Protein backbone atom coordinates (compact mmCIF):
# COMPACT_ATOMS: atom_id res chain seq x y z
CA LYS A 1 -22.32 19.02 -0.77
CA ASN A 2 -23.77 16.75 1.92
CA LYS A 3 -26.22 15.26 -0.57
CA TYR A 4 -23.43 13.98 -2.83
CA TYR A 5 -20.31 13.75 -0.67
CA GLY A 6 -21.45 13.44 2.95
CA THR A 7 -21.26 9.64 3.09
CA LEU A 8 -17.94 9.54 1.23
CA GLU A 9 -16.37 12.17 3.52
CA ASN A 10 -17.54 10.34 6.63
CA LYS A 11 -16.08 7.05 5.38
CA ILE A 12 -12.74 8.60 4.42
CA LEU A 13 -12.37 10.63 7.61
CA LYS A 14 -13.35 7.65 9.74
CA ASP A 15 -10.45 5.59 8.36
CA VAL A 16 -7.78 8.33 8.54
CA ARG A 17 -4.82 7.55 10.75
CA PHE A 18 -2.37 10.31 11.50
CA ILE A 19 0.92 9.32 13.12
CA GLU A 20 3.10 12.02 14.62
CA ASP A 21 6.83 11.62 15.14
CA ALA A 22 7.32 8.37 13.25
CA GLU A 23 11.10 7.91 13.00
CA PHE A 24 12.97 7.13 9.79
CA LEU A 25 16.68 6.89 8.99
CA LEU A 26 16.89 9.22 5.98
CA THR A 27 19.81 10.15 3.79
CA ALA A 28 20.50 13.39 1.92
CA GLN A 29 19.56 11.51 -1.27
CA ASP A 30 16.17 10.59 0.26
CA ILE A 31 15.48 14.27 0.90
CA GLN A 32 16.70 15.32 -2.54
CA ASP A 33 14.50 12.72 -4.29
CA PHE A 34 11.50 13.24 -2.01
CA ASN A 35 8.18 13.69 -3.80
CA PRO A 36 5.28 14.40 -1.42
CA SER A 37 2.72 13.15 -3.94
CA ILE A 38 4.13 9.60 -3.86
CA PRO A 39 2.98 7.48 -0.91
CA ILE A 40 5.48 5.41 1.08
CA TYR A 41 4.99 1.90 2.42
CA VAL A 42 5.77 1.51 6.13
CA GLU A 43 6.30 -2.16 6.92
CA LYS A 44 5.86 -1.62 10.67
CA PHE A 45 2.24 -0.57 10.09
CA GLY A 46 1.65 -2.66 6.97
CA ALA A 47 0.14 0.28 5.10
CA TYR A 48 0.84 3.16 2.74
CA PHE A 49 1.23 6.70 4.02
CA TYR A 50 1.68 10.21 2.72
CA VAL A 51 4.42 12.19 4.41
CA ASN A 52 2.88 15.31 5.90
CA LYS A 53 5.99 16.80 7.50
CA ILE A 54 9.70 16.02 7.83
CA LYS A 55 11.12 17.49 11.04
CA ASN A 56 14.72 18.56 11.67
CA PHE A 57 16.48 16.36 9.13
CA VAL A 58 20.12 15.49 9.89
CA SER A 59 21.77 12.99 7.56
CA GLY A 60 22.58 9.67 9.22
CA ARG A 61 20.32 10.28 12.25
CA LEU A 62 16.72 9.29 12.91
CA THR A 63 14.35 11.91 11.55
CA LYS A 64 10.86 12.43 12.93
CA CYS A 65 8.08 12.65 10.35
CA ASP A 66 4.33 13.13 10.52
CA ILE A 67 2.59 10.64 8.23
CA ILE A 68 -1.03 10.08 7.16
CA ARG A 69 -2.36 6.61 6.39
CA ILE A 70 -4.20 6.19 3.12
């Protein structure tokens, strides 16, 4: 494993950025249409992220999400 993937893993893990409790104003439609395999663009950070977790969704209120930069 280290012979073939060690360098690649180190490069990928070095650039990972995990953001906890990023806040988004989500609607019920956003939750219904949510596909975790599709990355989202967050303008504030100027990058694409995968959503790792959506916490305590309430329609019309800010929802905290854990996101991972790709």
